[in-house]
mmCIF file of all heavy atoms, coordinates in Angstrom:
data_MODEL
# 
_entry.id   MODEL 
# 
loop_
_atom_site.group_PDB 
_atom_site.id 
_atom_site.type_symbol 
_atom_site.label_atom_id 
_atom_site.label_alt_id 
_atom_site.label_comp_id 
_atom_site.label_asym_id 
_atom_site.label_entity_id 
_atom_site.label_seq_id 
_atom_site.pdbx_PDB_ins_code 
_atom_site.Cartn_x 
_atom_site.Cartn_y 
_atom_site.Cartn_z 
_atom_site.occupancy 
_atom_site.B_iso_or_equiv 
_atom_site.pdbx_formal_charge 
_atom_site.auth_seq_id 
_atom_site.auth_comp_id 
_atom_site.auth_asym_id 
_atom_site.auth_atom_id 
_atom_site.pdbx_PDB_model_num 
ATOM 1   N N   . HIS A 1 1  ? 85.994 47.208 196.436 1.00 0.00 ? 1  HIS A N   1 
ATOM 2   C CA  . HIS A 1 1  ? 86.949 46.639 197.381 1.00 0.00 ? 1  HIS A CA  1 
ATOM 3   C C   . HIS A 1 1  ? 87.230 45.165 197.060 1.00 0.00 ? 1  HIS A C   1 
ATOM 4   O O   . HIS A 1 1  ? 87.759 44.440 197.886 1.00 0.00 ? 1  HIS A O   1 
ATOM 5   C CB  . HIS A 1 1  ? 86.411 46.740 198.817 1.00 0.00 ? 1  HIS A CB  1 
ATOM 6   C CG  . HIS A 1 1  ? 86.174 48.140 199.258 1.00 0.00 ? 1  HIS A CG  1 
ATOM 7   N ND1 . HIS A 1 1  ? 87.116 48.873 199.921 1.00 0.00 ? 1  HIS A ND1 1 
ATOM 8   C CD2 . HIS A 1 1  ? 85.108 48.958 199.097 1.00 0.00 ? 1  HIS A CD2 1 
ATOM 9   C CE1 . HIS A 1 1  ? 86.639 50.082 200.167 1.00 0.00 ? 1  HIS A CE1 1 
ATOM 10  N NE2 . HIS A 1 1  ? 85.424 50.150 199.673 1.00 0.00 ? 1  HIS A NE2 1 
ATOM 11  N N   . SER A 1 2  ? 86.850 44.729 195.874 1.00 0.00 ? 2  SER A N   1 
ATOM 12  C CA  . SER A 1 2  ? 86.989 43.326 195.490 1.00 0.00 ? 2  SER A CA  1 
ATOM 13  C C   . SER A 1 2  ? 88.435 42.960 195.192 1.00 0.00 ? 2  SER A C   1 
ATOM 14  O O   . SER A 1 2  ? 89.233 43.798 194.782 1.00 0.00 ? 2  SER A O   1 
ATOM 15  C CB  . SER A 1 2  ? 86.165 43.034 194.234 1.00 0.00 ? 2  SER A CB  1 
ATOM 16  O OG  . SER A 1 2  ? 84.810 43.315 194.448 1.00 0.00 ? 2  SER A OG  1 
ATOM 17  N N   . GLU A 1 3  ? 88.729 41.689 195.360 1.00 0.00 ? 3  GLU A N   1 
ATOM 18  C CA  . GLU A 1 3  ? 90.051 41.173 195.004 1.00 0.00 ? 3  GLU A CA  1 
ATOM 19  C C   . GLU A 1 3  ? 90.094 40.726 193.542 1.00 0.00 ? 3  GLU A C   1 
ATOM 20  O O   . GLU A 1 3  ? 91.166 40.523 192.997 1.00 0.00 ? 3  GLU A O   1 
ATOM 21  C CB  . GLU A 1 3  ? 90.437 40.021 195.924 1.00 0.00 ? 3  GLU A CB  1 
ATOM 22  C CG  . GLU A 1 3  ? 90.672 40.482 197.354 1.00 0.00 ? 3  GLU A CG  1 
ATOM 23  C CD  . GLU A 1 3  ? 91.075 39.347 198.281 1.00 0.00 ? 3  GLU A CD  1 
ATOM 24  O OE1 . GLU A 1 3  ? 91.189 38.194 197.808 1.00 0.00 ? 3  GLU A OE1 1 
ATOM 25  O OE2 . GLU A 1 3  ? 91.278 39.614 199.464 1.00 0.00 ? 3  GLU A OE2 1 
ATOM 26  N N   . ASP A 1 4  ? 88.940 40.556 192.910 1.00 0.00 ? 4  ASP A N   1 
ATOM 27  C CA  . ASP A 1 4  ? 88.894 40.148 191.506 1.00 0.00 ? 4  ASP A CA  1 
ATOM 28  C C   . ASP A 1 4  ? 88.357 41.304 190.661 1.00 0.00 ? 4  ASP A C   1 
ATOM 29  O O   . ASP A 1 4  ? 88.132 42.401 191.162 1.00 0.00 ? 4  ASP A O   1 
ATOM 30  C CB  . ASP A 1 4  ? 88.044 38.884 191.334 1.00 0.00 ? 4  ASP A CB  1 
ATOM 31  C CG  . ASP A 1 4  ? 86.619 39.046 191.848 1.00 0.00 ? 4  ASP A CG  1 
ATOM 32  O OD1 . ASP A 1 4  ? 86.061 40.151 191.742 1.00 0.00 ? 4  ASP A OD1 1 
ATOM 33  O OD2 . ASP A 1 4  ? 86.062 38.063 192.357 1.00 0.00 ? 4  ASP A OD2 1 
ATOM 34  N N   . ASP A 1 5  ? 88.145 41.075 189.375 1.00 0.00 ? 5  ASP A N   1 
ATOM 35  C CA  . ASP A 1 5  ? 87.713 42.151 188.481 1.00 0.00 ? 5  ASP A CA  1 
ATOM 36  C C   . ASP A 1 5  ? 86.264 42.019 188.015 1.00 0.00 ? 5  ASP A C   1 
ATOM 37  O O   . ASP A 1 5  ? 85.862 42.669 187.068 1.00 0.00 ? 5  ASP A O   1 
ATOM 38  C CB  . ASP A 1 5  ? 88.640 42.238 187.275 1.00 0.00 ? 5  ASP A CB  1 
ATOM 39  C CG  . ASP A 1 5  ? 88.604 40.985 186.413 1.00 0.00 ? 5  ASP A CG  1 
ATOM 40  O OD1 . ASP A 1 5  ? 88.011 39.976 186.830 1.00 0.00 ? 5  ASP A OD1 1 
ATOM 41  O OD2 . ASP A 1 5  ? 89.188 41.020 185.313 1.00 0.00 ? 5  ASP A OD2 1 
ATOM 42  N N   . HIS A 1 6  ? 85.462 41.210 188.696 1.00 0.00 ? 6  HIS A N   1 
ATOM 43  C CA  . HIS A 1 6  ? 84.074 40.999 188.279 1.00 0.00 ? 6  HIS A CA  1 
ATOM 44  C C   . HIS A 1 6  ? 83.241 42.279 188.367 1.00 0.00 ? 6  HIS A C   1 
ATOM 45  O O   . HIS A 1 6  ? 82.449 42.570 187.467 1.00 0.00 ? 6  HIS A O   1 
ATOM 46  C CB  . HIS A 1 6  ? 83.427 39.883 189.102 1.00 0.00 ? 6  HIS A CB  1 
ATOM 47  C CG  . HIS A 1 6  ? 84.031 38.548 188.842 1.00 0.00 ? 6  HIS A CG  1 
ATOM 48  N ND1 . HIS A 1 6  ? 84.878 37.951 189.737 1.00 0.00 ? 6  HIS A ND1 1 
ATOM 49  C CD2 . HIS A 1 6  ? 83.942 37.710 187.792 1.00 0.00 ? 6  HIS A CD2 1 
ATOM 50  C CE1 . HIS A 1 6  ? 85.273 36.793 189.251 1.00 0.00 ? 6  HIS A CE1 1 
ATOM 51  N NE2 . HIS A 1 6  ? 84.726 36.627 188.062 1.00 0.00 ? 6  HIS A NE2 1 
ATOM 52  N N   . VAL A 1 7  ? 83.404 43.037 189.427 1.00 0.00 ? 7  VAL A N   1 
ATOM 53  C CA  . VAL A 1 7  ? 82.647 44.285 189.594 1.00 0.00 ? 7  VAL A CA  1 
ATOM 54  C C   . VAL A 1 7  ? 83.060 45.286 188.521 1.00 0.00 ? 7  VAL A C   1 
ATOM 55  O O   . VAL A 1 7  ? 82.217 45.943 187.910 1.00 0.00 ? 7  VAL A O   1 
ATOM 56  C CB  . VAL A 1 7  ? 82.842 44.862 191.012 1.00 0.00 ? 7  VAL A CB  1 
ATOM 57  C CG1 . VAL A 1 7  ? 82.298 46.272 191.106 1.00 0.00 ? 7  VAL A CG1 1 
ATOM 58  C CG2 . VAL A 1 7  ? 82.184 43.961 192.049 1.00 0.00 ? 7  VAL A CG2 1 
ATOM 59  N N   . GLU A 1 8  ? 84.347 45.392 188.262 1.00 0.00 ? 8  GLU A N   1 
ATOM 60  C CA  . GLU A 1 8  ? 84.835 46.326 187.245 1.00 0.00 ? 8  GLU A CA  1 
ATOM 61  C C   . GLU A 1 8  ? 84.267 45.982 185.867 1.00 0.00 ? 8  GLU A C   1 
ATOM 62  O O   . GLU A 1 8  ? 83.808 46.857 185.130 1.00 0.00 ? 8  GLU A O   1 
ATOM 63  C CB  . GLU A 1 8  ? 86.356 46.311 187.199 1.00 0.00 ? 8  GLU A CB  1 
ATOM 64  C CG  . GLU A 1 8  ? 86.936 47.294 186.215 1.00 0.00 ? 8  GLU A CG  1 
ATOM 65  C CD  . GLU A 1 8  ? 88.447 47.346 186.244 1.00 0.00 ? 8  GLU A CD  1 
ATOM 66  O OE1 . GLU A 1 8  ? 89.092 46.443 186.819 1.00 0.00 ? 8  GLU A OE1 1 
ATOM 67  O OE2 . GLU A 1 8  ? 88.983 48.312 185.697 1.00 0.00 ? 8  GLU A OE2 1 
ATOM 68  N N   . LYS A 1 9  ? 84.269 44.711 185.509 1.00 0.00 ? 9  LYS A N   1 
ATOM 69  C CA  . LYS A 1 9  ? 83.724 44.282 184.207 1.00 0.00 ? 9  LYS A CA  1 
ATOM 70  C C   . LYS A 1 9  ? 82.227 44.572 184.127 1.00 0.00 ? 9  LYS A C   1 
ATOM 71  O O   . LYS A 1 9  ? 81.722 44.964 183.078 1.00 0.00 ? 9  LYS A O   1 
ATOM 72  C CB  . LYS A 1 9  ? 84.003 42.803 183.971 1.00 0.00 ? 9  LYS A CB  1 
ATOM 73  C CG  . LYS A 1 9  ? 85.445 42.522 183.669 1.00 0.00 ? 9  LYS A CG  1 
ATOM 74  C CD  . LYS A 1 9  ? 85.681 41.046 183.437 1.00 0.00 ? 9  LYS A CD  1 
ATOM 75  C CE  . LYS A 1 9  ? 87.146 40.786 183.097 1.00 0.00 ? 9  LYS A CE  1 
ATOM 76  N NZ  . LYS A 1 9  ? 87.406 39.362 182.896 1.00 0.00 ? 9  LYS A NZ  1 
ATOM 77  N N   . LEU A 1 10 ? 81.522 44.365 185.225 1.00 0.00 ? 10 LEU A N   1 
ATOM 78  C CA  . LEU A 1 10 ? 80.094 44.666 185.251 1.00 0.00 ? 10 LEU A CA  1 
ATOM 79  C C   . LEU A 1 10 ? 79.855 46.157 185.028 1.00 0.00 ? 10 LEU A C   1 
ATOM 80  O O   . LEU A 1 10 ? 78.993 46.538 184.232 1.00 0.00 ? 10 LEU A O   1 
ATOM 81  C CB  . LEU A 1 10 ? 79.481 44.223 186.580 1.00 0.00 ? 10 LEU A CB  1 
ATOM 82  C CG  . LEU A 1 10 ? 77.998 44.520 186.740 1.00 0.00 ? 10 LEU A CG  1 
ATOM 83  C CD1 . LEU A 1 10 ? 77.179 43.695 185.748 1.00 0.00 ? 10 LEU A CD1 1 
ATOM 84  C CD2 . LEU A 1 10 ? 77.556 44.254 188.154 1.00 0.00 ? 10 LEU A CD2 1 
ATOM 85  N N   . CYS A 1 11 ? 80.620 46.988 185.710 1.00 0.00 ? 11 CYS A N   1 
ATOM 86  C CA  . CYS A 1 11 ? 80.491 48.441 185.529 1.00 0.00 ? 11 CYS A CA  1 
ATOM 87  C C   . CYS A 1 11 ? 80.756 48.826 184.079 1.00 0.00 ? 11 CYS A C   1 
ATOM 88  O O   . CYS A 1 11 ? 80.038 49.659 183.511 1.00 0.00 ? 11 CYS A O   1 
ATOM 89  C CB  . CYS A 1 11 ? 81.442 49.183 186.456 1.00 0.00 ? 11 CYS A CB  1 
ATOM 90  S SG  . CYS A 1 11 ? 80.954 49.076 188.188 1.00 0.00 ? 11 CYS A SG  1 
ATOM 91  N N   . ASP A 1 12 ? 81.763 48.214 183.474 1.00 0.00 ? 12 ASP A N   1 
ATOM 92  C CA  . ASP A 1 12 ? 82.061 48.485 182.063 1.00 0.00 ? 12 ASP A CA  1 
ATOM 93  C C   . ASP A 1 12 ? 80.855 48.210 181.169 1.00 0.00 ? 12 ASP A C   1 
ATOM 94  O O   . ASP A 1 12 ? 80.601 48.939 180.216 1.00 0.00 ? 12 ASP A O   1 
ATOM 95  C CB  . ASP A 1 12 ? 83.238 47.630 181.581 1.00 0.00 ? 12 ASP A CB  1 
ATOM 96  C CG  . ASP A 1 12 ? 84.573 48.094 182.116 1.00 0.00 ? 12 ASP A CG  1 
ATOM 97  O OD1 . ASP A 1 12 ? 84.666 49.245 182.600 1.00 0.00 ? 12 ASP A OD1 1 
ATOM 98  O OD2 . ASP A 1 12 ? 85.538 47.310 182.040 1.00 0.00 ? 12 ASP A OD2 1 
ATOM 99  N N   . SER A 1 13 ? 80.091 47.181 181.502 1.00 0.00 ? 13 SER A N   1 
ATOM 100 C CA  . SER A 1 13 ? 78.948 46.819 180.669 1.00 0.00 ? 13 SER A CA  1 
ATOM 101 C C   . SER A 1 13 ? 77.772 47.789 180.812 1.00 0.00 ? 13 SER A C   1 
ATOM 102 O O   . SER A 1 13 ? 76.852 47.769 179.996 1.00 0.00 ? 13 SER A O   1 
ATOM 103 C CB  . SER A 1 13 ? 78.489 45.390 180.983 1.00 0.00 ? 13 SER A CB  1 
ATOM 104 O OG  . SER A 1 13 ? 77.873 45.318 182.253 1.00 0.00 ? 13 SER A OG  1 
ATOM 105 N N   . TYR A 1 14 ? 77.797 48.662 181.832 1.00 0.00 ? 14 TYR A N   1 
ATOM 106 C CA  . TYR A 1 14 ? 76.704 49.616 182.058 1.00 0.00 ? 14 TYR A CA  1 
ATOM 107 C C   . TYR A 1 14 ? 77.065 51.052 181.681 1.00 0.00 ? 14 TYR A C   1 
ATOM 108 O O   . TYR A 1 14 ? 76.250 51.948 181.829 1.00 0.00 ? 14 TYR A O   1 
ATOM 109 C CB  . TYR A 1 14 ? 76.263 49.588 183.526 1.00 0.00 ? 14 TYR A CB  1 
ATOM 110 C CG  . TYR A 1 14 ? 75.317 48.470 183.837 1.00 0.00 ? 14 TYR A CG  1 
ATOM 111 C CD1 . TYR A 1 14 ? 75.792 47.221 184.213 1.00 0.00 ? 14 TYR A CD1 1 
ATOM 112 C CD2 . TYR A 1 14 ? 73.942 48.645 183.746 1.00 0.00 ? 14 TYR A CD2 1 
ATOM 113 C CE1 . TYR A 1 14 ? 74.930 46.183 184.488 1.00 0.00 ? 14 TYR A CE1 1 
ATOM 114 C CE2 . TYR A 1 14 ? 73.074 47.612 184.018 1.00 0.00 ? 14 TYR A CE2 1 
ATOM 115 C CZ  . TYR A 1 14 ? 73.571 46.382 184.395 1.00 0.00 ? 14 TYR A CZ  1 
ATOM 116 O OH  . TYR A 1 14 ? 72.707 45.358 184.669 1.00 0.00 ? 14 TYR A OH  1 
ATOM 117 N N   . TYR A 1 15 ? 78.281 51.295 181.194 1.00 0.00 ? 15 TYR A N   1 
ATOM 118 C CA  . TYR A 1 15 ? 78.699 52.664 180.898 1.00 0.00 ? 15 TYR A CA  1 
ATOM 119 C C   . TYR A 1 15 ? 77.815 53.354 179.866 1.00 0.00 ? 15 TYR A C   1 
ATOM 120 O O   . TYR A 1 15 ? 77.645 54.567 179.910 1.00 0.00 ? 15 TYR A O   1 
ATOM 121 C CB  . TYR A 1 15 ? 80.159 52.711 180.450 1.00 0.00 ? 15 TYR A CB  1 
ATOM 122 C CG  . TYR A 1 15 ? 81.136 52.702 181.591 1.00 0.00 ? 15 TYR A CG  1 
ATOM 123 C CD1 . TYR A 1 15 ? 82.183 51.800 181.628 1.00 0.00 ? 15 TYR A CD1 1 
ATOM 124 C CD2 . TYR A 1 15 ? 81.013 53.594 182.653 1.00 0.00 ? 15 TYR A CD2 1 
ATOM 125 C CE1 . TYR A 1 15 ? 83.085 51.787 182.679 1.00 0.00 ? 15 TYR A CE1 1 
ATOM 126 C CE2 . TYR A 1 15 ? 81.900 53.581 183.707 1.00 0.00 ? 15 TYR A CE2 1 
ATOM 127 C CZ  . TYR A 1 15 ? 82.936 52.679 183.716 1.00 0.00 ? 15 TYR A CZ  1 
ATOM 128 O OH  . TYR A 1 15 ? 83.820 52.670 184.763 1.00 0.00 ? 15 TYR A OH  1 
ATOM 129 N N   . ASN A 1 16 ? 77.240 52.626 178.943 1.00 0.00 ? 16 ASN A N   1 
ATOM 130 C CA  . ASN A 1 16 ? 76.351 53.238 177.945 1.00 0.00 ? 16 ASN A CA  1 
ATOM 131 C C   . ASN A 1 16 ? 74.956 53.523 178.485 1.00 0.00 ? 16 ASN A C   1 
ATOM 132 O O   . ASN A 1 16 ? 74.208 54.302 177.899 1.00 0.00 ? 16 ASN A O   1 
ATOM 133 C CB  . ASN A 1 16 ? 76.247 52.358 176.700 1.00 0.00 ? 16 ASN A CB  1 
ATOM 134 C CG  . ASN A 1 16 ? 77.541 52.319 175.929 1.00 0.00 ? 16 ASN A CG  1 
ATOM 135 O OD1 . ASN A 1 16 ? 78.294 53.279 175.916 1.00 0.00 ? 16 ASN A OD1 1 
ATOM 136 N ND2 . ASN A 1 16 ? 77.810 51.188 175.300 1.00 0.00 ? 16 ASN A ND2 1 
ATOM 137 N N   . ASP A 1 17 ? 74.605 52.889 179.594 1.00 0.00 ? 17 ASP A N   1 
ATOM 138 C CA  . ASP A 1 17 ? 73.256 53.027 180.157 1.00 0.00 ? 17 ASP A CA  1 
ATOM 139 C C   . ASP A 1 17 ? 73.178 53.998 181.331 1.00 0.00 ? 17 ASP A C   1 
ATOM 140 O O   . ASP A 1 17 ? 72.135 54.587 181.576 1.00 0.00 ? 17 ASP A O   1 
ATOM 141 C CB  . ASP A 1 17 ? 72.739 51.664 180.627 1.00 0.00 ? 17 ASP A CB  1 
ATOM 142 C CG  . ASP A 1 17 ? 72.658 50.665 179.498 1.00 0.00 ? 17 ASP A CG  1 
ATOM 143 O OD1 . ASP A 1 17 ? 72.205 51.038 178.399 1.00 0.00 ? 17 ASP A OD1 1 
ATOM 144 O OD2 . ASP A 1 17 ? 73.058 49.504 179.709 1.00 0.00 ? 17 ASP A OD2 1 
ATOM 145 N N   . LEU A 1 18 ? 74.262 54.115 182.089 1.00 0.00 ? 18 LEU A N   1 
ATOM 146 C CA  . LEU A 1 18 ? 74.273 54.931 183.308 1.00 0.00 ? 18 LEU A CA  1 
ATOM 147 C C   . LEU A 1 18 ? 75.548 55.757 183.373 1.00 0.00 ? 18 LEU A C   1 
ATOM 148 O O   . LEU A 1 18 ? 76.571 55.374 182.802 1.00 0.00 ? 18 LEU A O   1 
ATOM 149 C CB  . LEU A 1 18 ? 74.204 54.023 184.549 1.00 0.00 ? 18 LEU A CB  1 
ATOM 150 C CG  . LEU A 1 18 ? 72.944 53.203 184.737 1.00 0.00 ? 18 LEU A CG  1 
ATOM 151 C CD1 . LEU A 1 18 ? 73.160 52.134 185.808 1.00 0.00 ? 18 LEU A CD1 1 
ATOM 152 C CD2 . LEU A 1 18 ? 71.778 54.095 185.109 1.00 0.00 ? 18 LEU A CD2 1 
ATOM 153 N N   . ASP A 1 19 ? 75.467 56.863 184.099 1.00 0.00 ? 19 ASP A N   1 
ATOM 154 C CA  . ASP A 1 19 ? 76.649 57.678 184.363 1.00 0.00 ? 19 ASP A CA  1 
ATOM 155 C C   . ASP A 1 19 ? 77.368 57.066 185.558 1.00 0.00 ? 19 ASP A C   1 
ATOM 156 O O   . ASP A 1 19 ? 77.045 57.350 186.707 1.00 0.00 ? 19 ASP A O   1 
ATOM 157 C CB  . ASP A 1 19 ? 76.231 59.121 184.646 1.00 0.00 ? 19 ASP A CB  1 
ATOM 158 C CG  . ASP A 1 19 ? 77.399 60.043 184.902 1.00 0.00 ? 19 ASP A CG  1 
ATOM 159 O OD1 . ASP A 1 19 ? 78.563 59.621 184.706 1.00 0.00 ? 19 ASP A OD1 1 
ATOM 160 O OD2 . ASP A 1 19 ? 77.153 61.198 185.303 1.00 0.00 ? 19 ASP A OD2 1 
ATOM 161 N N   . ILE A 1 20 ? 78.327 56.174 185.278 1.00 0.00 ? 20 ILE A N   1 
ATOM 162 C CA  . ILE A 1 20 ? 79.032 55.437 186.330 1.00 0.00 ? 20 ILE A CA  1 
ATOM 163 C C   . ILE A 1 20 ? 80.431 56.002 186.516 1.00 0.00 ? 20 ILE A C   1 
ATOM 164 O O   . ILE A 1 20 ? 81.165 56.210 185.550 1.00 0.00 ? 20 ILE A O   1 
ATOM 165 C CB  . ILE A 1 20 ? 79.128 53.939 185.989 1.00 0.00 ? 20 ILE A CB  1 
ATOM 166 C CG1 . ILE A 1 20 ? 77.729 53.317 186.006 1.00 0.00 ? 20 ILE A CG1 1 
ATOM 167 C CG2 . ILE A 1 20 ? 80.046 53.213 186.962 1.00 0.00 ? 20 ILE A CG2 1 
ATOM 168 C CD1 . ILE A 1 20 ? 77.709 51.840 185.702 1.00 0.00 ? 20 ILE A CD1 1 
ATOM 169 N N   . LYS A 1 21 ? 80.770 56.212 187.775 1.00 0.00 ? 21 LYS A N   1 
ATOM 170 C CA  . LYS A 1 21 ? 82.126 56.580 188.178 1.00 0.00 ? 21 LYS A CA  1 
ATOM 171 C C   . LYS A 1 21 ? 82.663 55.390 188.967 1.00 0.00 ? 21 LYS A C   1 
ATOM 172 O O   . LYS A 1 21 ? 82.140 55.055 190.033 1.00 0.00 ? 21 LYS A O   1 
ATOM 173 C CB  . LYS A 1 21 ? 82.144 57.830 189.060 1.00 0.00 ? 21 LYS A CB  1 
ATOM 174 C CG  . LYS A 1 21 ? 81.419 59.027 188.478 1.00 0.00 ? 21 LYS A CG  1 
ATOM 175 C CD  . LYS A 1 21 ? 82.117 59.572 187.259 1.00 0.00 ? 21 LYS A CD  1 
ATOM 176 C CE  . LYS A 1 21 ? 81.525 60.886 186.822 1.00 0.00 ? 21 LYS A CE  1 
ATOM 177 N NZ  . LYS A 1 21 ? 80.548 60.809 185.771 1.00 0.00 ? 21 LYS A NZ  1 
ATOM 178 N N   . TYR A 1 22 ? 83.655 54.728 188.422 1.00 0.00 ? 22 TYR A N   1 
ATOM 179 C CA  . TYR A 1 22 ? 84.206 53.522 189.045 1.00 0.00 ? 22 TYR A CA  1 
ATOM 180 C C   . TYR A 1 22 ? 85.535 53.839 189.717 1.00 0.00 ? 22 TYR A C   1 
ATOM 181 O O   . TYR A 1 22 ? 86.415 54.445 189.104 1.00 0.00 ? 22 TYR A O   1 
ATOM 182 C CB  . TYR A 1 22 ? 84.400 52.425 187.992 1.00 0.00 ? 22 TYR A CB  1 
ATOM 183 C CG  . TYR A 1 22 ? 85.096 51.196 188.524 1.00 0.00 ? 22 TYR A CG  1 
ATOM 184 C CD1 . TYR A 1 22 ? 84.388 50.221 189.201 1.00 0.00 ? 22 TYR A CD1 1 
ATOM 185 C CD2 . TYR A 1 22 ? 86.463 51.029 188.361 1.00 0.00 ? 22 TYR A CD2 1 
ATOM 186 C CE1 . TYR A 1 22 ? 85.021 49.103 189.713 1.00 0.00 ? 22 TYR A CE1 1 
ATOM 187 C CE2 . TYR A 1 22 ? 87.110 49.910 188.860 1.00 0.00 ? 22 TYR A CE2 1 
ATOM 188 C CZ  . TYR A 1 22 ? 86.383 48.956 189.537 1.00 0.00 ? 22 TYR A CZ  1 
ATOM 189 O OH  . TYR A 1 22 ? 87.010 47.858 190.039 1.00 0.00 ? 22 TYR A OH  1 
ATOM 190 N N   . TYR A 1 23 ? 85.673 53.433 190.971 1.00 0.00 ? 23 TYR A N   1 
ATOM 191 C CA  . TYR A 1 23 ? 86.904 53.627 191.731 1.00 0.00 ? 23 TYR A CA  1 
ATOM 192 C C   . TYR A 1 23 ? 87.321 52.292 192.338 1.00 0.00 ? 23 TYR A C   1 
ATOM 193 O O   . TYR A 1 23 ? 86.552 51.694 193.086 1.00 0.00 ? 23 TYR A O   1 
ATOM 194 C CB  . TYR A 1 23 ? 86.706 54.648 192.855 1.00 0.00 ? 23 TYR A CB  1 
ATOM 195 C CG  . TYR A 1 23 ? 86.211 55.971 192.359 1.00 0.00 ? 23 TYR A CG  1 
ATOM 196 C CD1 . TYR A 1 23 ? 84.859 56.270 192.360 1.00 0.00 ? 23 TYR A CD1 1 
ATOM 197 C CD2 . TYR A 1 23 ? 87.104 56.923 191.858 1.00 0.00 ? 23 TYR A CD2 1 
ATOM 198 C CE1 . TYR A 1 23 ? 84.404 57.497 191.881 1.00 0.00 ? 23 TYR A CE1 1 
ATOM 199 C CE2 . TYR A 1 23 ? 86.652 58.139 191.382 1.00 0.00 ? 23 TYR A CE2 1 
ATOM 200 C CZ  . TYR A 1 23 ? 85.298 58.408 191.390 1.00 0.00 ? 23 TYR A CZ  1 
ATOM 201 O OH  . TYR A 1 23 ? 84.845 59.608 190.916 1.00 0.00 ? 23 TYR A OH  1 
ATOM 202 N N   . ARG A 1 24 ? 88.499 51.847 192.001 1.00 0.00 ? 24 ARG A N   1 
ATOM 203 C CA  . ARG A 1 24 ? 89.016 50.601 192.567 1.00 0.00 ? 24 ARG A CA  1 
ATOM 204 C C   . ARG A 1 24 ? 89.944 50.943 193.730 1.00 0.00 ? 24 ARG A C   1 
ATOM 205 O O   . ARG A 1 24 ? 90.860 51.747 193.581 1.00 0.00 ? 24 ARG A O   1 
ATOM 206 C CB  . ARG A 1 24 ? 89.781 49.799 191.536 1.00 0.00 ? 24 ARG A CB  1 
ATOM 207 C CG  . ARG A 1 24 ? 90.295 48.487 192.120 1.00 0.00 ? 24 ARG A CG  1 
ATOM 208 C CD  . ARG A 1 24 ? 90.710 47.540 191.016 1.00 0.00 ? 24 ARG A CD  1 
ATOM 209 N NE  . ARG A 1 24 ? 90.837 46.226 191.552 1.00 0.00 ? 24 ARG A NE  1 
ATOM 210 C CZ  . ARG A 1 24 ? 89.909 45.280 191.462 1.00 0.00 ? 24 ARG A CZ  1 
ATOM 211 N NH1 . ARG A 1 24 ? 88.809 45.516 190.833 1.00 0.00 ? 24 ARG A NH1 1 
ATOM 212 N NH2 . ARG A 1 24 ? 90.110 44.100 191.979 1.00 0.00 ? 24 ARG A NH2 1 
ATOM 213 N N   . ASN A 1 25 ? 89.707 50.342 194.866 1.00 0.00 ? 25 ASN A N   1 
ATOM 214 C CA  . ASN A 1 25 ? 90.549 50.527 196.047 1.00 0.00 ? 25 ASN A CA  1 
ATOM 215 C C   . ASN A 1 25 ? 91.639 49.473 196.036 1.00 0.00 ? 25 ASN A C   1 
ATOM 216 O O   . ASN A 1 25 ? 91.359 48.275 196.024 1.00 0.00 ? 25 ASN A O   1 
ATOM 217 C CB  . ASN A 1 25 ? 89.717 50.419 197.316 1.00 0.00 ? 25 ASN A CB  1 
ATOM 218 C CG  . ASN A 1 25 ? 88.713 51.529 197.405 1.00 0.00 ? 25 ASN A CG  1 
ATOM 219 O OD1 . ASN A 1 25 ? 89.073 52.687 197.408 1.00 0.00 ? 25 ASN A OD1 1 
ATOM 220 N ND2 . ASN A 1 25 ? 87.435 51.171 197.426 1.00 0.00 ? 25 ASN A ND2 1 
ATOM 221 N N   . THR A 1 26 ? 92.860 49.908 196.023 1.00 0.00 ? 26 THR A N   1 
ATOM 222 C CA  . THR A 1 26 ? 93.971 48.976 195.982 1.00 0.00 ? 26 THR A CA  1 
ATOM 223 C C   . THR A 1 26 ? 94.332 48.456 197.361 1.00 0.00 ? 26 THR A C   1 
ATOM 224 O O   . THR A 1 26 ? 94.990 47.430 197.489 1.00 0.00 ? 26 THR A O   1 
ATOM 225 C CB  . THR A 1 26 ? 95.210 49.629 195.347 1.00 0.00 ? 26 THR A CB  1 
ATOM 226 O OG1 . THR A 1 26 ? 95.524 50.812 196.064 1.00 0.00 ? 26 THR A OG1 1 
ATOM 227 C CG2 . THR A 1 26 ? 94.942 49.974 193.884 1.00 0.00 ? 26 THR A CG2 1 
ATOM 228 N N   . SER A 1 27 ? 93.884 49.138 198.392 1.00 0.00 ? 27 SER A N   1 
ATOM 229 C CA  . SER A 1 27 ? 94.174 48.714 199.759 1.00 0.00 ? 27 SER A CA  1 
ATOM 230 C C   . SER A 1 27 ? 92.932 48.054 200.348 1.00 0.00 ? 27 SER A C   1 
ATOM 231 O O   . SER A 1 27 ? 91.808 48.496 200.129 1.00 0.00 ? 27 SER A O   1 
ATOM 232 C CB  . SER A 1 27 ? 94.551 49.926 200.610 1.00 0.00 ? 27 SER A CB  1 
ATOM 233 O OG  . SER A 1 27 ? 94.677 49.554 201.953 1.00 0.00 ? 27 SER A OG  1 
# 
C-alpha cells in the first residue's frame, strides 16, 4: 500500500531466496 517503490525493490531482492507473490495496490 506504499506510495513509493521501496517495498517492491526489496521484494525483488528476495525472489531468489523466497517464493514471493507481490501485489501493488493502486488505490
